[in-house]
Amino acid sequence: MPNVYDFDKTVFYTDSGFTFFFFCFRRHFFRLLRHLPRLVLELLRFALNRKRGKPVKGEFYLFLRSLPNWQEEVCLFWEAKAETLLKPWYLAQKRPDDIIISCTADFLLRPLCEQLNVRLIGTQVNLNTFHLEGVSCYGTEKVHRLRAEYGNIAIAEFYSDSLCDTPLAELAQQAWLVKDDERLPWPKLKTSITT
């Protein structure tokens, strides 16, 4: 049975999409400066919207159109950030049958997951338009995507920083809520009492 992990703020210390943008912004300041107001607005909308669905991140990756070679930027990003921003506890327990399932765009995480030799399910982005394809891989959609990819696979352990991932946590034999480097047992679901 595999272990399943969320990515951002679970096995990676930050939000990888925004970290990637600021990495590119420092390298291509003048090319990306015009995107900054829109992306600041996206960041605010993202922070205020717990659903993090298509309306929130749907336009985020449009800044890639301004880069001369966005694929190279993705590779350079992981060369610069993987060692310092991947959590050591994850690297110590990583297994080849791990599955990373994330709201982050699959094109951004794929090179790293290939390097780590783990499987990936991420939000699908059209690489011609940089718009989302379908819905964001978030909340119950993670369960749908996992089932579509692997059927009724059993999960040994599940790790996430967000209670929005409770639908996946409920499928695991053991689930862990991650806060920085601390892993706590997943909180029990509160049942409503009717009188």
N, C-alpha and C. Protein backbone atom coordinates (compact mmCIF):
# COMPACT_ATOMS: atom_id res chain seq x y z
N MET A 1 0.84 -1.19 0.00
CA MET A 1 0.00 0.00 0.00
C MET A 1 0.87 1.25 0.00
N PRO A 2 0.57 2.19 -0.87
CA PRO A 2 1.39 3.41 -0.92
C PRO A 2 1.02 4.39 0.19
N ASN A 3 1.94 5.30 0.45
CA ASN A 3 1.64 6.49 1.23
C ASN A 3 1.28 7.58 0.23
N VAL A 4 0.35 8.45 0.63
CA VAL A 4 -0.12 9.53 -0.24
C VAL A 4 0.14 10.85 0.48
N TYR A 5 0.63 11.83 -0.28
CA TYR A 5 1.02 13.12 0.30
C TYR A 5 0.45 14.27 -0.51
N ASP A 6 -0.06 15.27 0.19
CA ASP A 6 -0.26 16.58 -0.41
C ASP A 6 1.16 17.14 -0.62
N PHE A 7 1.30 18.22 -1.37
CA PHE A 7 2.65 18.74 -1.63
C PHE A 7 2.93 20.05 -0.90
N ASP A 8 2.27 21.13 -1.31
CA ASP A 8 2.59 22.45 -0.75
C ASP A 8 2.31 22.50 0.75
N LYS A 9 3.30 22.94 1.49
CA LYS A 9 3.25 23.09 2.94
C LYS A 9 3.08 21.75 3.67
N THR A 10 3.18 20.68 2.91
CA THR A 10 3.16 19.34 3.52
C THR A 10 4.56 18.74 3.41
N VAL A 11 5.00 18.46 2.20
CA VAL A 11 6.37 17.96 2.01
C VAL A 11 7.30 19.05 1.48
N PHE A 12 6.72 20.18 1.11
CA PHE A 12 7.45 21.36 0.61
C PHE A 12 7.07 22.51 1.52
N TYR A 13 8.05 23.31 1.95
CA TYR A 13 7.79 24.30 2.99
C TYR A 13 6.86 25.44 2.57
N THR A 14 6.73 25.73 1.29
CA THR A 14 5.95 26.89 0.85
C THR A 14 4.93 26.47 -0.20
N ASP A 15 4.21 27.44 -0.74
CA ASP A 15 3.37 27.20 -1.91
C ASP A 15 4.28 27.23 -3.13
N SER A 16 4.42 26.11 -3.80
CA SER A 16 5.40 26.00 -4.90
C SER A 16 5.04 26.89 -6.09
N GLY A 17 3.76 27.08 -6.38
CA GLY A 17 3.38 27.93 -7.50
C GLY A 17 3.83 29.37 -7.32
N PHE A 18 3.54 29.93 -6.15
CA PHE A 18 3.95 31.31 -5.88
C PHE A 18 5.47 31.42 -5.73
N THR A 19 6.09 30.42 -5.13
CA THR A 19 7.55 30.43 -5.01
C THR A 19 8.19 30.39 -6.39
N PHE A 20 7.61 29.60 -7.29
CA PHE A 20 8.10 29.54 -8.66
C PHE A 20 7.96 30.89 -9.36
N PHE A 21 6.80 31.55 -9.18
CA PHE A 21 6.64 32.85 -9.80
C PHE A 21 7.71 33.83 -9.33
N PHE A 22 7.94 33.92 -8.03
CA PHE A 22 8.91 34.88 -7.51
C PHE A 22 10.35 34.51 -7.91
N PHE A 23 10.62 33.22 -8.07
CA PHE A 23 11.91 32.78 -8.61
C PHE A 23 12.08 33.33 -10.03
N CYS A 24 11.04 33.17 -10.86
CA CYS A 24 11.09 33.68 -12.24
C CYS A 24 11.12 35.21 -12.27
N PHE A 25 10.39 35.82 -11.35
CA PHE A 25 10.31 37.28 -11.30
C PHE A 25 11.69 37.89 -11.03
N ARG A 26 12.46 37.28 -10.14
CA ARG A 26 13.81 37.78 -9.87
C ARG A 26 14.72 37.61 -11.08
N ARG A 27 14.51 36.56 -11.84
CA ARG A 27 15.36 36.28 -13.00
C ARG A 27 14.94 37.06 -14.24
N HIS A 28 13.66 37.41 -14.34
CA HIS A 28 13.12 38.07 -15.54
C HIS A 28 12.26 39.26 -15.12
N PHE A 29 12.83 40.11 -14.31
CA PHE A 29 12.09 41.20 -13.69
C PHE A 29 11.30 42.02 -14.70
N PHE A 30 11.94 42.52 -15.74
CA PHE A 30 11.26 43.41 -16.68
C PHE A 30 10.22 42.68 -17.54
N ARG A 31 10.46 41.43 -17.84
CA ARG A 31 9.48 40.66 -18.61
C ARG A 31 8.20 40.41 -17.80
N LEU A 32 8.38 40.22 -16.49
CA LEU A 32 7.25 39.80 -15.65
C LEU A 32 6.63 40.93 -14.85
N LEU A 33 7.23 42.10 -14.88
CA LEU A 33 6.73 43.22 -14.08
C LEU A 33 5.26 43.53 -14.39
N ARG A 34 4.89 43.46 -15.65
CA ARG A 34 3.50 43.79 -16.02
C ARG A 34 2.50 42.78 -15.47
N HIS A 35 2.96 41.57 -15.11
CA HIS A 35 2.07 40.55 -14.56
C HIS A 35 1.86 40.72 -13.05
N LEU A 36 2.71 41.50 -12.42
CA LEU A 36 2.68 41.57 -10.96
C LEU A 36 1.33 42.03 -10.39
N PRO A 37 0.71 43.11 -10.89
CA PRO A 37 -0.58 43.51 -10.30
C PRO A 37 -1.63 42.40 -10.37
N ARG A 38 -1.72 41.72 -11.52
CA ARG A 38 -2.70 40.65 -11.64
C ARG A 38 -2.38 39.50 -10.69
N LEU A 39 -1.09 39.19 -10.54
CA LEU A 39 -0.72 38.07 -9.68
C LEU A 39 -0.87 38.41 -8.20
N VAL A 40 -0.66 39.66 -7.84
CA VAL A 40 -0.92 40.06 -6.45
C VAL A 40 -2.41 39.90 -6.16
N LEU A 41 -3.25 40.29 -7.10
CA LEU A 41 -4.69 40.10 -6.96
C LEU A 41 -5.02 38.62 -6.84
N GLU A 42 -4.41 37.79 -7.69
CA GLU A 42 -4.61 36.34 -7.62
C GLU A 42 -4.19 35.80 -6.25
N LEU A 43 -3.06 36.28 -5.75
CA LEU A 43 -2.57 35.84 -4.45
C LEU A 43 -3.57 36.20 -3.35
N LEU A 44 -4.11 37.40 -3.40
CA LEU A 44 -5.11 37.80 -2.41
C LEU A 44 -6.37 36.96 -2.52
N ARG A 45 -6.82 36.74 -3.74
CA ARG A 45 -8.01 35.91 -3.95
C ARG A 45 -7.76 34.49 -3.47
N PHE A 46 -6.57 33.97 -3.74
CA PHE A 46 -6.20 32.63 -3.31
C PHE A 46 -6.21 32.53 -1.79
N ALA A 47 -5.64 33.53 -1.13
CA ALA A 47 -5.56 33.53 0.33
C ALA A 47 -6.95 33.63 0.97
N LEU A 48 -7.87 34.31 0.31
CA LEU A 48 -9.21 34.52 0.87
C LEU A 48 -10.21 33.45 0.49
N ASN A 49 -9.89 32.62 -0.50
CA ASN A 49 -10.83 31.63 -0.99
C ASN A 49 -10.34 30.24 -0.61
N ARG A 50 -11.02 29.60 0.29
CA ARG A 50 -10.60 28.27 0.75
C ARG A 50 -10.85 27.19 -0.29
N LYS A 51 -11.69 27.46 -1.27
CA LYS A 51 -11.97 26.44 -2.29
C LYS A 51 -10.83 26.31 -3.28
N ARG A 52 -10.11 27.36 -3.54
CA ARG A 52 -8.94 27.33 -4.43
C ARG A 52 -9.23 26.62 -5.75
N GLY A 53 -10.37 26.87 -6.30
CA GLY A 53 -10.76 26.19 -7.52
C GLY A 53 -10.38 26.96 -8.76
N LYS A 54 -11.04 26.63 -9.84
CA LYS A 54 -10.71 27.18 -11.14
C LYS A 54 -10.72 28.71 -11.18
N PRO A 55 -11.70 29.40 -10.58
CA PRO A 55 -11.67 30.86 -10.67
C PRO A 55 -10.45 31.48 -9.99
N VAL A 56 -9.86 30.78 -9.03
CA VAL A 56 -8.77 31.36 -8.27
C VAL A 56 -7.43 31.19 -8.98
N LYS A 57 -7.08 29.97 -9.35
CA LYS A 57 -5.79 29.74 -9.98
C LYS A 57 -5.88 29.60 -11.50
N GLY A 58 -7.07 29.82 -12.05
CA GLY A 58 -7.28 29.60 -13.46
C GLY A 58 -6.43 30.47 -14.37
N GLU A 59 -6.06 31.64 -13.93
CA GLU A 59 -5.27 32.56 -14.74
C GLU A 59 -3.83 32.70 -14.24
N PHE A 60 -3.49 32.01 -13.21
CA PHE A 60 -2.21 32.24 -12.54
C PHE A 60 -1.01 32.05 -13.46
N TYR A 61 -0.99 30.99 -14.25
CA TYR A 61 0.21 30.63 -15.01
C TYR A 61 0.36 31.38 -16.33
N LEU A 62 -0.48 32.35 -16.59
CA LEU A 62 -0.36 33.13 -17.82
C LEU A 62 0.98 33.87 -17.93
N PHE A 63 1.64 34.12 -16.82
CA PHE A 63 2.94 34.80 -16.86
C PHE A 63 3.98 33.99 -17.63
N LEU A 64 3.76 32.68 -17.77
CA LEU A 64 4.73 31.85 -18.49
C LEU A 64 4.86 32.24 -19.96
N ARG A 65 3.83 32.86 -20.52
CA ARG A 65 3.89 33.30 -21.91
C ARG A 65 5.00 34.33 -22.13
N SER A 66 5.38 35.04 -21.10
CA SER A 66 6.39 36.10 -21.22
C SER A 66 7.82 35.59 -21.08
N LEU A 67 7.98 34.33 -20.73
CA LEU A 67 9.33 33.78 -20.54
C LEU A 67 9.86 33.19 -21.84
N PRO A 68 11.15 33.34 -22.09
CA PRO A 68 11.72 32.79 -23.33
C PRO A 68 11.69 31.26 -23.37
N ASN A 69 11.85 30.61 -22.20
CA ASN A 69 11.84 29.15 -22.14
C ASN A 69 11.34 28.73 -20.76
N TRP A 70 10.03 28.61 -20.61
CA TRP A 70 9.47 28.32 -19.29
C TRP A 70 9.86 26.92 -18.79
N GLN A 71 10.05 25.96 -19.70
CA GLN A 71 10.45 24.61 -19.27
C GLN A 71 11.82 24.64 -18.59
N GLU A 72 12.73 25.44 -19.15
CA GLU A 72 14.06 25.59 -18.54
C GLU A 72 13.94 26.23 -17.16
N GLU A 73 13.03 27.20 -17.02
CA GLU A 73 12.82 27.86 -15.73
C GLU A 73 12.34 26.86 -14.68
N VAL A 74 11.47 25.94 -15.07
CA VAL A 74 10.99 24.92 -14.14
C VAL A 74 12.16 24.07 -13.64
N CYS A 75 13.02 23.64 -14.56
CA CYS A 75 14.18 22.82 -14.17
C CYS A 75 15.13 23.61 -13.27
N LEU A 76 15.39 24.85 -13.62
CA LEU A 76 16.28 25.68 -12.80
C LEU A 76 15.68 25.93 -11.42
N PHE A 77 14.37 26.08 -11.36
CA PHE A 77 13.69 26.28 -10.09
C PHE A 77 13.94 25.10 -9.16
N TRP A 78 13.76 23.88 -9.66
CA TRP A 78 13.96 22.72 -8.79
C TRP A 78 15.42 22.53 -8.43
N GLU A 79 16.32 22.84 -9.34
CA GLU A 79 17.75 22.78 -9.00
C GLU A 79 18.07 23.71 -7.84
N ALA A 80 17.43 24.87 -7.82
CA ALA A 80 17.71 25.87 -6.79
C ALA A 80 16.95 25.62 -5.50
N LYS A 81 15.76 25.08 -5.57
CA LYS A 81 14.88 25.04 -4.39
C LYS A 81 14.64 23.68 -3.77
N ALA A 82 14.79 22.60 -4.52
CA ALA A 82 14.42 21.29 -3.99
C ALA A 82 15.18 20.94 -2.71
N GLU A 83 16.47 21.16 -2.72
CA GLU A 83 17.29 20.76 -1.57
C GLU A 83 16.94 21.54 -0.31
N THR A 84 16.61 22.82 -0.45
CA THR A 84 16.36 23.64 0.73
C THR A 84 14.90 23.68 1.16
N LEU A 85 13.96 23.41 0.24
CA LEU A 85 12.56 23.56 0.59
C LEU A 85 11.78 22.24 0.70
N LEU A 86 12.37 21.12 0.30
CA LEU A 86 11.75 19.83 0.58
C LEU A 86 12.03 19.48 2.04
N LYS A 87 11.02 19.00 2.73
CA LYS A 87 11.17 18.73 4.16
C LYS A 87 12.01 17.47 4.39
N PRO A 88 13.00 17.56 5.25
CA PRO A 88 13.88 16.41 5.49
C PRO A 88 13.15 15.16 5.97
N TRP A 89 12.10 15.32 6.77
CA TRP A 89 11.39 14.13 7.26
C TRP A 89 10.77 13.36 6.10
N TYR A 90 10.31 14.10 5.06
CA TYR A 90 9.75 13.39 3.91
C TYR A 90 10.84 12.63 3.16
N LEU A 91 11.95 13.29 2.91
CA LEU A 91 13.03 12.63 2.17
C LEU A 91 13.52 11.39 2.91
N ALA A 92 13.49 11.42 4.24
CA ALA A 92 13.95 10.28 5.03
C ALA A 92 13.00 9.08 4.93
N GLN A 93 11.73 9.32 4.67
CA GLN A 93 10.78 8.20 4.63
C GLN A 93 10.22 7.94 3.22
N LYS A 94 10.67 8.69 2.23
CA LYS A 94 10.18 8.55 0.86
C LYS A 94 10.34 7.13 0.35
N ARG A 95 9.30 6.66 -0.36
CA ARG A 95 9.32 5.33 -0.96
C ARG A 95 8.95 5.44 -2.43
N PRO A 96 9.37 4.50 -3.27
CA PRO A 96 9.06 4.57 -4.70
C PRO A 96 7.58 4.43 -5.03
N ASP A 97 6.78 3.88 -4.11
CA ASP A 97 5.35 3.77 -4.40
C ASP A 97 4.55 4.95 -3.87
N ASP A 98 5.22 5.99 -3.35
CA ASP A 98 4.52 7.19 -2.89
C ASP A 98 3.73 7.83 -4.02
N ILE A 99 2.63 8.47 -3.63
CA ILE A 99 1.83 9.25 -4.58
C ILE A 99 1.72 10.67 -4.01
N ILE A 100 2.17 11.64 -4.80
CA ILE A 100 1.96 13.06 -4.48
C ILE A 100 0.69 13.47 -5.19
N ILE A 101 -0.27 14.04 -4.45
CA ILE A 101 -1.50 14.52 -5.07
C ILE A 101 -1.72 15.96 -4.62
N SER A 102 -1.74 16.86 -5.60
CA SER A 102 -1.63 18.28 -5.27
C SER A 102 -2.51 19.15 -6.16
N CYS A 103 -2.91 20.28 -5.59
CA CYS A 103 -3.62 21.32 -6.33
C CYS A 103 -2.68 22.06 -7.29
N THR A 104 -1.39 21.95 -7.05
CA THR A 104 -0.39 22.62 -7.89
C THR A 104 -0.38 22.00 -9.29
N ALA A 105 -0.04 22.81 -10.27
CA ALA A 105 -0.01 22.36 -11.66
C ALA A 105 0.93 21.18 -11.85
N ASP A 106 0.45 20.18 -12.57
CA ASP A 106 1.27 18.98 -12.79
C ASP A 106 2.56 19.27 -13.53
N PHE A 107 2.55 20.23 -14.49
CA PHE A 107 3.78 20.51 -15.23
C PHE A 107 4.88 21.05 -14.32
N LEU A 108 4.50 21.74 -13.25
CA LEU A 108 5.50 22.29 -12.34
C LEU A 108 6.09 21.20 -11.44
N LEU A 109 5.26 20.28 -10.97
CA LEU A 109 5.74 19.25 -10.05
C LEU A 109 6.36 18.03 -10.74
N ARG A 110 6.00 17.81 -12.00
CA ARG A 110 6.44 16.57 -12.67
C ARG A 110 7.96 16.38 -12.69
N PRO A 111 8.77 17.39 -13.04
CA PRO A 111 10.21 17.15 -13.05
C PRO A 111 10.76 16.74 -11.68
N LEU A 112 10.25 17.34 -10.63
CA LEU A 112 10.71 16.98 -9.29
C LEU A 112 10.26 15.57 -8.94
N CYS A 113 9.01 15.22 -9.23
CA CYS A 113 8.53 13.88 -8.90
C CYS A 113 9.28 12.81 -9.68
N GLU A 114 9.65 13.11 -10.91
CA GLU A 114 10.47 12.17 -11.68
C GLU A 114 11.85 12.01 -11.04
N GLN A 115 12.41 13.12 -10.58
CA GLN A 115 13.72 13.07 -9.91
C GLN A 115 13.63 12.27 -8.61
N LEU A 116 12.52 12.44 -7.88
CA LEU A 116 12.33 11.71 -6.61
C LEU A 116 11.88 10.28 -6.84
N ASN A 117 11.49 9.96 -8.08
CA ASN A 117 10.99 8.63 -8.43
C ASN A 117 9.70 8.31 -7.66
N VAL A 118 8.76 9.26 -7.64
CA VAL A 118 7.45 9.05 -7.03
C VAL A 118 6.38 9.40 -8.06
N ARG A 119 5.16 8.95 -7.81
CA ARG A 119 4.05 9.19 -8.72
C ARG A 119 3.38 10.53 -8.40
N LEU A 120 2.73 11.11 -9.41
CA LEU A 120 2.13 12.45 -9.26
C LEU A 120 0.73 12.51 -9.85
N ILE A 121 -0.16 13.15 -9.11
CA ILE A 121 -1.45 13.60 -9.62
C ILE A 121 -1.53 15.08 -9.26
N GLY A 122 -1.64 15.93 -10.28
CA GLY A 122 -1.71 17.37 -10.04
C GLY A 122 -2.78 18.01 -10.88
N THR A 123 -2.99 19.29 -10.67
CA THR A 123 -3.95 20.04 -11.48
C THR A 123 -3.41 20.12 -12.90
N GLN A 124 -4.26 19.85 -13.87
CA GLN A 124 -3.84 19.83 -15.26
C GLN A 124 -4.00 21.22 -15.87
N VAL A 125 -2.94 21.66 -16.52
CA VAL A 125 -2.89 22.97 -17.15
C VAL A 125 -2.58 22.77 -18.62
N ASN A 126 -3.33 23.45 -19.48
CA ASN A 126 -3.07 23.40 -20.91
C ASN A 126 -1.77 24.16 -21.19
N LEU A 127 -0.79 23.49 -21.76
CA LEU A 127 0.53 24.10 -21.95
C LEU A 127 0.60 25.01 -23.18
N ASN A 128 -0.49 25.15 -23.90
CA ASN A 128 -0.55 26.14 -24.98
C ASN A 128 -1.20 27.43 -24.50
N THR A 129 -2.24 27.29 -23.67
CA THR A 129 -2.96 28.48 -23.21
C THR A 129 -2.62 28.86 -21.77
N PHE A 130 -2.09 27.92 -21.01
CA PHE A 130 -1.79 28.06 -19.58
C PHE A 130 -3.04 28.30 -18.73
N HIS A 131 -4.19 27.84 -19.23
CA HIS A 131 -5.42 27.82 -18.45
C HIS A 131 -5.61 26.41 -17.89
N LEU A 132 -6.37 26.32 -16.80
CA LEU A 132 -6.66 25.01 -16.23
C LEU A 132 -7.48 24.18 -17.21
N GLU A 133 -7.23 22.87 -17.19
CA GLU A 133 -8.05 21.92 -17.93
C GLU A 133 -8.88 21.18 -16.90
N GLY A 134 -10.18 21.35 -16.97
CA GLY A 134 -11.04 20.72 -15.98
C GLY A 134 -11.03 21.51 -14.68
N VAL A 135 -11.15 20.79 -13.57
CA VAL A 135 -11.21 21.46 -12.27
C VAL A 135 -9.90 21.26 -11.52
N SER A 136 -9.69 22.12 -10.57
CA SER A 136 -8.49 22.07 -9.76
C SER A 136 -8.48 20.79 -8.91
N CYS A 137 -7.34 20.18 -8.77
CA CYS A 137 -7.18 18.95 -7.98
C CYS A 137 -7.15 19.34 -6.50
N TYR A 138 -8.34 19.47 -5.93
CA TYR A 138 -8.48 20.03 -4.59
C TYR A 138 -9.67 19.38 -3.88
N GLY A 139 -9.55 19.13 -2.59
CA GLY A 139 -10.65 18.59 -1.80
C GLY A 139 -11.12 17.24 -2.33
N THR A 140 -12.42 17.10 -2.54
CA THR A 140 -12.97 15.83 -3.01
C THR A 140 -12.49 15.47 -4.42
N GLU A 141 -12.07 16.48 -5.19
CA GLU A 141 -11.55 16.18 -6.53
C GLU A 141 -10.29 15.31 -6.44
N LYS A 142 -9.53 15.45 -5.36
CA LYS A 142 -8.34 14.59 -5.19
C LYS A 142 -8.75 13.12 -5.12
N VAL A 143 -9.85 12.83 -4.44
CA VAL A 143 -10.34 11.45 -4.35
C VAL A 143 -10.76 10.97 -5.73
N HIS A 144 -11.49 11.81 -6.48
CA HIS A 144 -11.93 11.42 -7.83
C HIS A 144 -10.72 11.14 -8.73
N ARG A 145 -9.72 12.01 -8.66
CA ARG A 145 -8.53 11.83 -9.51
C ARG A 145 -7.74 10.58 -9.10
N LEU A 146 -7.62 10.34 -7.79
CA LEU A 146 -6.92 9.14 -7.32
C LEU A 146 -7.62 7.88 -7.80
N ARG A 147 -8.96 7.85 -7.68
CA ARG A 147 -9.74 6.69 -8.12
C ARG A 147 -9.64 6.51 -9.64
N ALA A 148 -9.68 7.61 -10.39
CA ALA A 148 -9.58 7.52 -11.85
C ALA A 148 -8.23 6.96 -12.27
N GLU A 149 -7.19 7.30 -11.55
CA GLU A 149 -5.83 6.88 -11.91
C GLU A 149 -5.49 5.47 -11.40
N TYR A 150 -5.93 5.14 -10.17
CA TYR A 150 -5.48 3.90 -9.53
C TYR A 150 -6.61 3.00 -9.03
N GLY A 151 -7.85 3.29 -9.38
CA GLY A 151 -8.96 2.45 -8.93
C GLY A 151 -9.16 2.56 -7.42
N ASN A 152 -9.55 1.47 -6.80
CA ASN A 152 -9.79 1.46 -5.35
C ASN A 152 -8.53 1.13 -4.57
N ILE A 153 -7.48 1.84 -4.86
CA ILE A 153 -6.20 1.61 -4.20
C ILE A 153 -6.32 1.89 -2.70
N ALA A 154 -5.71 1.05 -1.89
CA ALA A 154 -5.68 1.26 -0.45
C ALA A 154 -4.52 2.20 -0.11
N ILE A 155 -4.72 3.08 0.84
CA ILE A 155 -3.71 4.04 1.26
C ILE A 155 -3.22 3.66 2.66
N ALA A 156 -1.92 3.50 2.81
CA ALA A 156 -1.37 3.19 4.13
C ALA A 156 -1.42 4.44 5.01
N GLU A 157 -0.68 5.48 4.61
CA GLU A 157 -0.64 6.72 5.38
C GLU A 157 -0.89 7.90 4.44
N PHE A 158 -1.58 8.91 4.97
CA PHE A 158 -1.85 10.13 4.21
C PHE A 158 -1.35 11.32 5.03
N TYR A 159 -0.72 12.29 4.33
CA TYR A 159 -0.16 13.47 4.97
C TYR A 159 -0.65 14.72 4.24
N SER A 160 -1.12 15.71 5.01
CA SER A 160 -1.52 16.99 4.43
C SER A 160 -1.47 18.07 5.51
N ASP A 161 -1.31 19.31 5.04
CA ASP A 161 -1.33 20.45 5.97
C ASP A 161 -2.73 21.02 6.11
N SER A 162 -3.71 20.50 5.36
CA SER A 162 -5.03 21.15 5.29
C SER A 162 -6.16 20.18 5.58
N LEU A 163 -7.10 20.62 6.42
CA LEU A 163 -8.28 19.82 6.71
C LEU A 163 -9.20 19.70 5.49
N CYS A 164 -8.96 20.52 4.47
CA CYS A 164 -9.72 20.38 3.22
C CYS A 164 -9.44 19.03 2.56
N ASP A 165 -8.37 18.37 2.98
CA ASP A 165 -8.03 17.06 2.44
C ASP A 165 -8.62 15.92 3.25
N THR A 166 -9.60 16.22 4.10
CA THR A 166 -10.24 15.17 4.90
C THR A 166 -10.80 14.04 4.04
N PRO A 167 -11.38 14.30 2.85
CA PRO A 167 -11.86 13.16 2.04
C PRO A 167 -10.77 12.13 1.74
N LEU A 168 -9.54 12.57 1.51
CA LEU A 168 -8.44 11.61 1.31
C LEU A 168 -8.01 11.00 2.63
N ALA A 169 -7.98 11.80 3.68
CA ALA A 169 -7.57 11.29 4.99
C ALA A 169 -8.47 10.14 5.43
N GLU A 170 -9.75 10.24 5.11
CA GLU A 170 -10.70 9.19 5.50
C GLU A 170 -10.44 7.86 4.79
N LEU A 171 -9.71 7.88 3.69
CA LEU A 171 -9.41 6.65 2.94
C LEU A 171 -8.17 5.93 3.46
N ALA A 172 -7.39 6.61 4.30
CA ALA A 172 -6.10 6.06 4.74
C ALA A 172 -6.23 5.27 6.05
N GLN A 173 -5.34 4.28 6.21
CA GLN A 173 -5.29 3.57 7.48
C GLN A 173 -4.83 4.50 8.61
N GLN A 174 -3.94 5.43 8.27
CA GLN A 174 -3.46 6.42 9.23
C GLN A 174 -3.29 7.74 8.49
N ALA A 175 -3.78 8.83 9.09
CA ALA A 175 -3.66 10.14 8.45
C ALA A 175 -2.97 11.10 9.41
N TRP A 176 -2.14 11.98 8.83
CA TRP A 176 -1.34 12.92 9.61
C TRP A 176 -1.57 14.34 9.12
N LEU A 177 -1.80 15.23 10.06
CA LEU A 177 -1.92 16.65 9.77
C LEU A 177 -0.55 17.27 10.00
N VAL A 178 -0.02 17.91 8.97
CA VAL A 178 1.35 18.43 9.01
C VAL A 178 1.33 19.93 9.32
N LYS A 179 2.05 20.32 10.33
CA LYS A 179 2.25 21.73 10.69
C LYS A 179 3.75 21.96 10.74
N ASP A 180 4.28 22.67 9.75
CA ASP A 180 5.72 22.86 9.60
C ASP A 180 6.38 21.49 9.52
N ASP A 181 7.19 21.12 10.51
CA ASP A 181 7.83 19.79 10.50
C ASP A 181 7.15 18.80 11.44
N GLU A 182 6.11 19.24 12.09
CA GLU A 182 5.41 18.39 13.05
C GLU A 182 4.30 17.62 12.34
N ARG A 183 4.17 16.34 12.67
CA ARG A 183 3.11 15.50 12.13
C ARG A 183 2.23 15.03 13.27
N LEU A 184 0.97 15.45 13.23
CA LEU A 184 0.02 15.15 14.29
C LEU A 184 -1.06 14.21 13.76
N PRO A 185 -1.60 13.35 14.60
CA PRO A 185 -2.70 12.51 14.13
C PRO A 185 -3.85 13.38 13.60
N TRP A 186 -4.48 12.93 12.53
CA TRP A 186 -5.57 13.69 11.92
C TRP A 186 -6.69 13.87 12.94
N PRO A 187 -7.22 15.09 13.06
CA PRO A 187 -8.31 15.31 14.02
C PRO A 187 -9.53 14.46 13.69
N LYS A 188 -10.18 14.00 14.74
CA LYS A 188 -11.41 13.22 14.54
C LYS A 188 -12.49 14.14 14.01
N LEU A 189 -13.32 13.60 13.14
CA LEU A 189 -14.43 14.40 12.62
C LEU A 189 -15.48 14.55 13.70
N LYS A 190 -15.98 15.77 13.83
CA LYS A 190 -17.03 16.03 14.80
C LYS A 190 -18.36 15.63 14.18
N THR A 191 -19.14 14.85 14.91
CA THR A 191 -20.46 14.49 14.42
C THR A 191 -21.49 15.39 15.08
N SER A 192 -22.47 15.76 14.31
CA SER A 192 -23.49 16.62 14.88
C SER A 192 -24.46 15.79 15.72
N ILE A 193 -24.85 16.33 16.85
CA ILE A 193 -25.77 15.64 17.76
C ILE A 193 -27.15 16.25 17.58
N THR A 194 -28.11 15.43 17.25
CA THR A 194 -29.47 15.94 17.11
C THR A 194 -30.29 15.53 18.32
N THR A 195 -31.17 16.41 18.72
CA THR A 195 -32.01 16.09 19.88
C THR A 195 -33.45 15.94 19.46
